[in-house]
PDB file of N, CA and C in Angstrom:
ATOM      1  N   MET A   1      15.553 107.201 164.311  1.00  0.00           N
ATOM      2  CA  MET A   1      14.691 106.319 163.541  1.00  0.00           C
ATOM      3  C   MET A   1      15.519 105.679 162.427  1.00  0.00           C
ATOM      4  N   ASN A   2      15.377 104.382 162.309  1.00  0.00           N
ATOM      5  CA  ASN A   2      16.014 103.671 161.211  1.00  0.00           C
ATOM      6  C   ASN A   2      15.142 103.730 159.972  1.00  0.00           C
ATOM      7  N   THR A   3      15.771 103.499 158.843  1.00  0.00           N
ATOM      8  CA  THR A   3      15.068 103.400 157.574  1.00  0.00           C
ATOM      9  C   THR A   3      15.344 102.030 156.993  1.00  0.00           C
ATOM     10  N   LEU A   4      14.301 101.370 156.531  1.00  0.00           N
ATOM     11  CA  LEU A   4      14.442 100.102 155.828  1.00  0.00           C
ATOM     12  C   LEU A   4      14.313 100.394 154.345  1.00  0.00           C
ATOM     13  N   LEU A   5      15.416 100.238 153.622  1.00  0.00           N
ATOM     14  CA  LEU A   5      15.401 100.429 152.179  1.00  0.00           C
ATOM     15  C   LEU A   5      15.017  99.110 151.528  1.00  0.00           C
ATOM     16  N   VAL A   6      14.007  99.162 150.669  1.00  0.00           N
ATOM     17  CA  VAL A   6      13.559  97.979 149.939  1.00  0.00           C
ATOM     18  C   VAL A   6      13.626  98.320 148.455  1.00  0.00           C
ATOM     19  N   CYS A   7      14.469  97.626 147.726  1.00  0.00           N
ATOM     20  CA  CYS A   7      14.605  97.903 146.304  1.00  0.00           C
ATOM     21  C   CYS A   7      13.386  97.360 145.562  1.00  0.00           C
ATOM     22  N   ILE A   8      12.795  98.234 144.749  1.00  0.00           N
ATOM     23  CA  ILE A   8      11.630  97.845 143.944  1.00  0.00           C
ATOM     24  C   ILE A   8      11.897  98.076 142.457  1.00  0.00           C
ATOM     25  N   ASN A   9      13.159  98.264 142.090  1.00  0.00           N
ATOM     26  CA  ASN A   9      13.516  98.591 140.713  1.00  0.00           C
ATOM     27  C   ASN A   9      13.054  97.511 139.737  1.00  0.00           C
ATOM     28  N   ARG A  10      12.513  97.975 138.613  1.00  0.00           N
ATOM     29  CA  ARG A  10      12.164  97.085 137.497  1.00  0.00           C
ATOM     30  C   ARG A  10      12.932  97.573 136.280  1.00  0.00           C
ATOM     31  N   ARG A  11      13.881  96.791 135.840  1.00  0.00           N
ATOM     32  CA  ARG A  11      14.656  97.164 134.662  1.00  0.00           C
ATOM     33  C   ARG A  11      13.787  97.072 133.415  1.00  0.00           C
ATOM     34  N   THR A  12      14.067  97.946 132.473  1.00  0.00           N
ATOM     35  CA  THR A  12      13.277  97.937 131.241  1.00  0.00           C
ATOM     36  C   THR A  12      13.598  96.734 130.365  1.00  0.00           C
ATOM     37  N   ASN A  13      14.800  96.215 130.484  1.00  0.00           N
ATOM     38  CA  ASN A  13      15.181  95.024 129.735  1.00  0.00           C
ATOM     39  C   ASN A  13      14.791  93.797 130.559  1.00  0.00           C
ATOM     40  N   PRO A  14      13.783  93.049 130.112  1.00  0.00           N
ATOM     41  CA  PRO A  14      13.330  91.891 130.899  1.00  0.00           C
ATOM     42  C   PRO A  14      14.351  90.762 130.998  1.00  0.00           C
ATOM     43  N   ASP A  15      15.404  90.826 130.195  1.00  0.00           N
ATOM     44  CA  ASP A  15      16.442  89.798 130.249  1.00  0.00           C
ATOM     45  C   ASP A  15      17.447  90.043 131.367  1.00  0.00           C
ATOM     46  N   LEU A  16      17.385  91.224 131.992  1.00  0.00           N
ATOM     47  CA  LEU A  16      18.278  91.548 133.099  1.00  0.00           C
ATOM     48  C   LEU A  16      17.520  91.420 134.414  1.00  0.00           C
ATOM     49  N   PRO A  17      18.163  90.865 135.439  1.00  0.00           N
ATOM     50  CA  PRO A  17      17.474  90.697 136.722  1.00  0.00           C
ATOM     51  C   PRO A  17      17.188  92.038 137.385  1.00  0.00           C
ATOM     52  N   SER A  18      16.106  92.094 138.130  1.00  0.00           N
ATOM     53  CA  SER A  18      15.799  93.290 138.907  1.00  0.00           C
ATOM     54  C   SER A  18      15.015  92.890 140.148  1.00  0.00           C
ATOM     55  N   CYS A  19      15.166  93.702 141.178  1.00  0.00           N
ATOM     56  CA  CYS A  19      14.507  93.408 142.451  1.00  0.00           C
ATOM     57  C   CYS A  19      12.991  93.441 142.331  1.00  0.00           C
ATOM     58  N   GLY A  20      12.490  94.383 141.527  1.00  0.00           N
ATOM     59  CA  GLY A  20      11.046  94.516 141.378  1.00  0.00           C
ATOM     60  C   GLY A  20      10.382  93.275 140.798  1.00  0.00           C
ATOM     61  N   THR A  21      11.049  92.627 139.881  1.00  0.00           N
ATOM     62  CA  THR A  21      10.475  91.423 139.280  1.00  0.00           C
ATOM     63  C   THR A  21      10.711  90.179 140.125  1.00  0.00           C
ATOM     64  N   ARG A  22      11.518  90.325 141.170  1.00  0.00           N
ATOM     65  CA  ARG A  22      11.823  89.188 142.053  1.00  0.00           C
ATOM     66  C   ARG A  22      11.133  89.302 143.409  1.00  0.00           C
ATOM     67  N   GLY A  23      10.156  90.200 143.514  1.00  0.00           N
ATOM     68  CA  GLY A  23       9.395  90.285 144.761  1.00  0.00           C
ATOM     69  C   GLY A  23       9.664  91.508 145.610  1.00  0.00           C
ATOM     70  N   GLY A  24      10.425  92.468 145.108  1.00  0.00           N
ATOM     71  CA  GLY A  24      10.740  93.662 145.877  1.00  0.00           C
ATOM     72  C   GLY A  24       9.509  94.462 146.294  1.00  0.00           C
ATOM     73  N   LEU A  25       8.565  94.620 145.394  1.00  0.00           N
ATOM     74  CA  LEU A  25       7.356  95.379 145.716  1.00  0.00           C
ATOM     75  C   LEU A  25       6.555  94.684 146.815  1.00  0.00           C
ATOM     76  N   GLU A  26       6.427  93.384 146.720  1.00  0.00           N
ATOM     77  CA  GLU A  26       5.716  92.621 147.753  1.00  0.00           C
ATOM     78  C   GLU A  26       6.420  92.727 149.102  1.00  0.00           C
ATOM     79  N   LEU A  27       7.749  92.733 149.085  1.00  0.00           N
ATOM     80  CA  LEU A  27       8.499  92.896 150.332  1.00  0.00           C
ATOM     81  C   LEU A  27       8.262  94.278 150.939  1.00  0.00           C
ATOM     82  N   ALA A  28       8.202  95.301 150.099  1.00  0.00           N
ATOM     83  CA  ALA A  28       7.942  96.656 150.595  1.00  0.00           C
ATOM     84  C   ALA A  28       6.559  96.730 151.238  1.00  0.00           C
ATOM     85  N   GLU A  29       5.568  96.144 150.599  1.00  0.00           N
ATOM     86  CA  GLU A  29       4.207  96.144 151.146  1.00  0.00           C
ATOM     87  C   GLU A  29       4.155  95.400 152.473  1.00  0.00           C
ATOM     88  N   LEU A  30       4.815  94.252 152.544  1.00  0.00           N
ATOM     89  CA  LEU A  30       4.857  93.480 153.779  1.00  0.00           C
ATOM     90  C   LEU A  30       5.581  94.257 154.877  1.00  0.00           C
ATOM     91  N   ALA A  31       6.683  94.895 154.531  1.00  0.00           N
ATOM     92  CA  ALA A  31       7.441  95.669 155.518  1.00  0.00           C
ATOM     93  C   ALA A  31       6.582  96.791 156.092  1.00  0.00           C
ATOM     94  N   GLU A  32       5.873  97.484 155.250  1.00  0.00           N
ATOM     95  CA  GLU A  32       5.022  98.581 155.712  1.00  0.00           C
ATOM     96  C   GLU A  32       3.936  98.080 156.663  1.00  0.00           C
ATOM     97  N   SER A  33       3.287  96.995 156.289  1.00  0.00           N
ATOM     98  CA  SER A  33       2.204  96.485 157.138  1.00  0.00           C
ATOM     99  C   SER A  33       2.746  95.912 158.450  1.00  0.00           C
ATOM    100  N   GLU A  34       3.879  95.239 158.408  1.00  0.00           N
ATOM    101  CA  GLU A  34       4.449  94.656 159.630  1.00  0.00           C
ATOM    102  C   GLU A  34       4.998  95.726 160.567  1.00  0.00           C
ATOM    103  N   CYS A  35       5.605  96.758 160.026  1.00  0.00           N
ATOM    104  CA  CYS A  35       6.104  97.850 160.878  1.00  0.00           C
ATOM    105  C   CYS A  35       4.942  98.515 161.608  1.00  0.00           C
ATOM    106  N   THR A  36       3.837  98.692 160.915  1.00  0.00           N
ATOM    107  CA  THR A  36       2.644  99.260 161.547  1.00  0.00           C
ATOM    108  C   THR A  36       2.105  98.308 162.603  1.00  0.00           C
ATOM    109  N   ARG A  37       1.973  97.031 162.244  1.00  0.00           N
ATOM    110  CA  ARG A  37       1.426  96.032 163.171  1.00  0.00           C
ATOM    111  C   ARG A  37       2.268  95.906 164.436  1.00  0.00           C
ATOM    112  N   LEU A  38       3.596  95.948 164.266  1.00  0.00           N
ATOM    113  CA  LEU A  38       4.502  95.790 165.401  1.00  0.00           C
ATOM    114  C   LEU A  38       4.771  97.103 166.134  1.00  0.00           C
ATOM    115  N   GLY A  39       4.283  98.208 165.580  1.00  0.00           N
ATOM    116  CA  GLY A  39       4.497  99.511 166.199  1.00  0.00           C
ATOM    117  C   GLY A  39       5.950  99.955 166.141  1.00  0.00           C
ATOM    118  N   LEU A  40       6.661  99.552 165.094  1.00  0.00           N
ATOM    119  CA  LEU A  40       8.076  99.900 164.962  1.00  0.00           C
ATOM    120  C   LEU A  40       8.241 101.308 164.419  1.00  0.00           C
ATOM    121  N   ASP A  41       9.197 102.031 164.967  1.00  0.00           N
ATOM    122  CA  ASP A  41       9.520 103.374 164.502  1.00  0.00           C
ATOM    123  C   ASP A  41      10.567 103.256 163.394  1.00  0.00           C
ATOM    124  N   ILE A  42      10.128 102.679 162.285  1.00  0.00           N
ATOM    125  CA  ILE A  42      10.999 102.450 161.138  1.00  0.00           C
ATOM    126  C   ILE A  42      10.300 103.001 159.909  1.00  0.00           C
ATOM    127  N   HIS A  43      11.026 103.794 159.153  1.00  0.00           N
ATOM    128  CA  HIS A  43      10.513 104.320 157.895  1.00  0.00           C
ATOM    129  C   HIS A  43      10.863 103.325 156.792  1.00  0.00           C
ATOM    130  N   VAL A  44       9.871 102.859 156.053  1.00  0.00           N
ATOM    131  CA  VAL A  44      10.110 101.963 154.927  1.00  0.00           C
ATOM    132  C   VAL A  44      10.188 102.820 153.664  1.00  0.00           C
ATOM    133  N   GLU A  45      11.334 102.757 153.018  1.00  0.00           N
ATOM    134  CA  GLU A  45      11.524 103.534 151.792  1.00  0.00           C
ATOM    135  C   GLU A  45      11.620 102.582 150.609  1.00  0.00           C
ATOM    136  N   ARG A  46      10.727 102.784 149.660  1.00  0.00           N
ATOM    137  CA  ARG A  46      10.766 102.019 148.411  1.00  0.00           C
ATOM    138  C   ARG A  46      11.836 102.659 147.532  1.00  0.00           C
ATOM    139  N   PHE A  47      12.957 101.974 147.422  1.00  0.00           N
ATOM    140  CA  PHE A  47      14.125 102.522 146.744  1.00  0.00           C
ATOM    141  C   PHE A  47      14.160 101.980 145.325  1.00  0.00           C
ATOM    142  N   HIS A  48      14.545 102.825 144.368  1.00  0.00           N
ATOM    143  CA  HIS A  48      14.478 102.404 142.974  1.00  0.00           C
ATOM    144  C   HIS A  48      15.743 101.760 142.429  1.00  0.00           C
ATOM    145  N   CYS A  49      16.801 101.750 143.160  1.00  0.00           N
ATOM    146  CA  CYS A  49      17.962 100.940 142.762  1.00  0.00           C
ATOM    147  C   CYS A  49      19.037 101.037 143.822  1.00  0.00           C
ATOM    148  N   LEU A  50      19.447  99.890 144.315  1.00  0.00           N
ATOM    149  CA  LEU A  50      20.558  99.810 145.257  1.00  0.00           C
ATOM    150  C   LEU A  50      21.830  99.345 144.552  1.00  0.00           C
ATOM    151  N   GLY A  51      21.732  99.140 143.231  1.00  0.00           N
ATOM    152  CA  GLY A  51      22.895  98.775 142.435  1.00  0.00           C
ATOM    153  C   GLY A  51      23.325  97.327 142.530  1.00  0.00           C
ATOM    154  N   LEU A  52      22.467  96.477 143.061  1.00  0.00           N
ATOM    155  CA  LEU A  52      22.830  95.068 143.263  1.00  0.00           C
ATOM    156  C   LEU A  52      21.756  94.123 142.726  1.00  0.00           C
ATOM    157  N   CYS A  53      21.189  94.479 141.590  1.00  0.00           N
ATOM    158  CA  CYS A  53      20.053  93.719 141.060  1.00  0.00           C
ATOM    159  C   CYS A  53      20.342  92.235 140.872  1.00  0.00           C
ATOM    160  N   GLU A  54      21.571  91.905 140.539  1.00  0.00           N
ATOM    161  CA  GLU A  54      21.917  90.497 140.320  1.00  0.00           C
ATOM    162  C   GLU A  54      21.729  89.667 141.586  1.00  0.00           C
ATOM    163  N   LEU A  55      21.731  90.339 142.747  1.00  0.00           N
ATOM    164  CA  LEU A  55      21.628  89.654 144.036  1.00  0.00           C
ATOM    165  C   LEU A  55      20.264  89.837 144.691  1.00  0.00           C
ATOM    166  N   GLY A  56      19.327  90.434 143.982  1.00  0.00           N
ATOM    167  CA  GLY A  56      18.054  90.843 144.575  1.00  0.00           C
ATOM    168  C   GLY A  56      17.036  89.742 144.732  1.00  0.00           C
ATOM    169  N   PRO A  57      15.968  90.094 145.431  1.00  0.00           N
ATOM    170  CA  PRO A  57      15.672  91.418 145.950  1.00  0.00           C
ATOM    171  C   PRO A  57      16.555  91.778 147.139  1.00  0.00           C
ATOM    172  N   ASN A  58      16.797  93.083 147.274  1.00  0.00           N
ATOM    173  CA  ASN A  58      17.724  93.589 148.278  1.00  0.00           C
ATOM    174  C   ASN A  58      17.034  94.476 149.298  1.00  0.00           C
ATOM    175  N   LEU A  59      17.461  94.336 150.545  1.00  0.00           N
ATOM    176  CA  LEU A  59      16.998  95.157 151.659  1.00  0.00           C
ATOM    177  C   LEU A  59      18.224  95.720 152.366  1.00  0.00           C
ATOM    178  N   LYS A  60      18.033  96.839 153.063  1.00  0.00           N
ATOM    179  CA  LYS A  60      19.117  97.383 153.890  1.00  0.00           C
ATOM    180  C   LYS A  60      18.502  98.236 154.983  1.00  0.00           C
ATOM    181  N   ILE A  61      18.937  97.997 156.212  1.00  0.00           N
ATOM    182  CA  ILE A  61      18.576  98.888 157.310  1.00  0.00           C
ATOM    183  C   ILE A  61      19.611 100.014 157.284  1.00  0.00           C
ATOM    184  N   ALA A  62      19.146 101.216 157.070  1.00  0.00           N
ATOM    185  CA  ALA A  62      20.055 102.364 156.982  1.00  0.00           C
ATOM    186  C   ALA A  62      20.001 103.144 158.287  1.00  0.00           C
ATOM    187  N   PRO A  63      21.074 103.718 158.684  1.00  0.00           N
ATOM    188  CA  PRO A  63      22.296 103.864 157.905  1.00  0.00           C
ATOM    189  C   PRO A  63      23.331 102.770 158.141  1.00  0.00           C
ATOM    190  N   GLU A  64      23.291 102.070 159.279  1.00  0.00           N
ATOM    191  CA  GLU A  64      24.422 101.215 159.637  1.00  0.00           C
ATOM    192  C   GLU A  64      24.271  99.740 159.293  1.00  0.00           C
ATOM    193  N   GLY A  65      23.145  99.308 158.824  1.00  0.00           N
ATOM    194  CA  GLY A  65      22.913  97.883 158.615  1.00  0.00           C
ATOM    195  C   GLY A  65      23.561  97.318 157.371  1.00  0.00           C
ATOM    196  N   ASP A  66      23.650  96.010 157.348  1.00  0.00           N
ATOM    197  CA  ASP A  66      24.181  95.303 156.192  1.00  0.00           C
ATOM    198  C   ASP A  66      23.084  95.110 155.152  1.00  0.00           C
ATOM    199  N   PHE A  67      23.508  94.823 153.928  1.00  0.00           N
ATOM    200  CA  PHE A  67      22.558  94.450 152.891  1.00  0.00           C
ATOM    201  C   PHE A  67      22.053  93.037 153.165  1.00  0.00           C
ATOM    202  N   ILE A  68      20.829  92.800 152.805  1.00  0.00           N
ATOM    203  CA  ILE A  68      20.265  91.451 152.811  1.00  0.00           C
ATOM    204  C   ILE A  68      19.929  91.159 151.360  1.00  0.00           C
ATOM    205  N   HIS A  69      20.658  90.209 150.777  1.00  0.00           N
ATOM    206  CA  HIS A  69      20.492  89.865 149.372  1.00  0.00           C
ATOM    207  C   HIS A  69      19.575  88.649 149.245  1.00  0.00           C
ATOM    208  N   THR A  70      19.006  88.495 148.090  1.00  0.00           N
ATOM    209  CA  THR A  70      18.032  87.423 147.792  1.00  0.00           C
ATOM    210  C   THR A  70      17.024  87.299 148.929  1.00  0.00           C
ATOM    211  N   ALA A  71      16.558  88.454 149.373  1.00  0.00           N
ATOM    212  CA  ALA A  71      15.661  88.513 150.533  1.00  0.00           C
ATOM    213  C   ALA A  71      14.331  87.831 150.253  1.00  0.00           C
ATOM    214  N   THR A  72      13.859  87.113 151.260  1.00  0.00           N
ATOM    215  CA  THR A  72      12.559  86.463 151.210  1.00  0.00           C
ATOM    216  C   THR A  72      11.644  87.129 152.233  1.00  0.00           C
ATOM    217  N   GLN A  73      10.387  86.786 152.175  1.00  0.00           N
ATOM    218  CA  GLN A  73       9.455  87.301 153.180  1.00  0.00           C
ATOM    219  C   GLN A  73       9.885  86.855 154.574  1.00  0.00           C
ATOM    220  N   GLN A  74      10.356  85.640 154.710  1.00  0.00           N
ATOM    221  CA  GLN A  74      10.809  85.151 156.015  1.00  0.00           C
ATOM    222  C   GLN A  74      12.026  85.931 156.508  1.00  0.00           C
ATOM    223  N   ASP A  75      12.949  86.254 155.603  1.00  0.00           N
ATOM    224  CA  ASP A  75      14.105  87.085 155.985  1.00  0.00           C
ATOM    225  C   ASP A  75      13.628  88.422 156.536  1.00  0.00           C
ATOM    226  N   LEU A  76      12.703  89.034 155.831  1.00  0.00           N
ATOM    227  CA  LEU A  76      12.182  90.334 156.248  1.00  0.00           C
ATOM    228  C   LEU A  76      11.508  90.235 157.612  1.00  0.00           C
ATOM    229  N   LEU A  77      10.665  89.225 157.794  1.00  0.00           N
ATOM    230  CA  LEU A  77       9.975  89.064 159.079  1.00  0.00           C
ATOM    231  C   LEU A  77      10.965  88.832 160.215  1.00  0.00           C
ATOM    232  N   SER A  78      12.030  88.096 159.947  1.00  0.00           N
ATOM    233  CA  SER A  78      13.060  87.861 160.974  1.00  0.00           C
ATOM    234  C   SER A  78      13.774  89.152 161.341  1.00  0.00           C
ATOM    235  N   VAL A  79      14.095  89.967 160.359  1.00  0.00           N
ATOM    236  CA  VAL A  79      14.758  91.248 160.621  1.00  0.00           C
ATOM    237  C   VAL A  79      13.849  92.146 161.456  1.00  0.00           C
ATOM    238  N   LEU A  80      12.587  92.232 161.080  1.00  0.00           N
ATOM    239  CA  LEU A  80      11.658  93.081 161.803  1.00  0.00           C
ATOM    240  C   LEU A  80      11.408  92.576 163.224  1.00  0.00           C
ATOM    241  N   ALA A  81      11.339  91.261 163.386  1.00  0.00           N
ATOM    242  CA  ALA A  81      11.162  90.689 164.720  1.00  0.00           C
ATOM    243  C   ALA A  81      12.372  91.013 165.591  1.00  0.00           C
ATOM    244  N   GLY A  82      13.571  90.945 165.003  1.00  0.00           N
ATOM    245  CA  GLY A  82      14.763  91.307 165.758  1.00  0.00           C
ATOM    246  C   GLY A  82      14.777  92.767 166.168  1.00  0.00           C
ATOM    247  N   LEU A  83      14.337  93.641 165.269  1.00  0.00           N
ATOM    248  CA  LEU A  83      14.260  95.056 165.609  1.00  0.00           C
ATOM    249  C   LEU A  83      13.210  95.301 166.686  1.00  0.00           C
ATOM    250  N   ALA A  84      12.103  94.582 166.606  1.00  0.00           N
ATOM    251  CA  ALA A  84      11.049  94.731 167.625  1.00  0.00           C
ATOM    252  C   ALA A  84      11.566  94.265 168.984  1.00  0.00           C
ATOM    253  N   ALA A  85      12.301  93.169 169.009  1.00  0.00           N
ATOM    254  CA  ALA A  85      12.842  92.655 170.262  1.00  0.00           C
ATOM    255  C   ALA A  85      13.883  93.617 170.848  1.00  0.00           C
ATOM    256  N   GLY A  86      14.660  94.231 169.974  1.00  0.00           N
ATOM    257  CA  GLY A  86      15.675  95.164 170.423  1.00  0.00           C
ATOM    258  C   GLY A  86      15.114  96.483 170.912  1.00  0.00           C
ATOM    259  N   SER A  87      13.913  96.815 170.446  1.00  0.00           N
ATOM    260  CA  SER A  87      13.299  98.090 170.860  1.00  0.00           C
ATOM    261  C   SER A  87      12.376  97.929 172.037  1.00  0.00           C
ATOM    262  N   ALA A  88      12.196  96.686 172.485  1.00  0.00           N
ATOM    263  CA  ALA A  88      11.278  96.446 173.612  1.00  0.00           C
ATOM    264  C   ALA A  88      11.923  96.777 174.934  1.00  0.00           C
TER     265      ALA A  88
END
């Protein structure tokens, strides 16, 4: 089973970028609902910091996947569709 890490970190200093303030939480919610809808055997983990806030929001398919920086809902849907196609 793969794990989809979705950074939801919110830095306490609002002057510093963070994934949570750039849509990370919404991406996690979308990932959870889409994985269920598509019947994917993927665990969605709401991660509190991937260390790349300047590039966020950030996603990563663990363990072997690449990071997806400045992730959008469309990016997430494309990744999940690719995983669904590969598991069919």
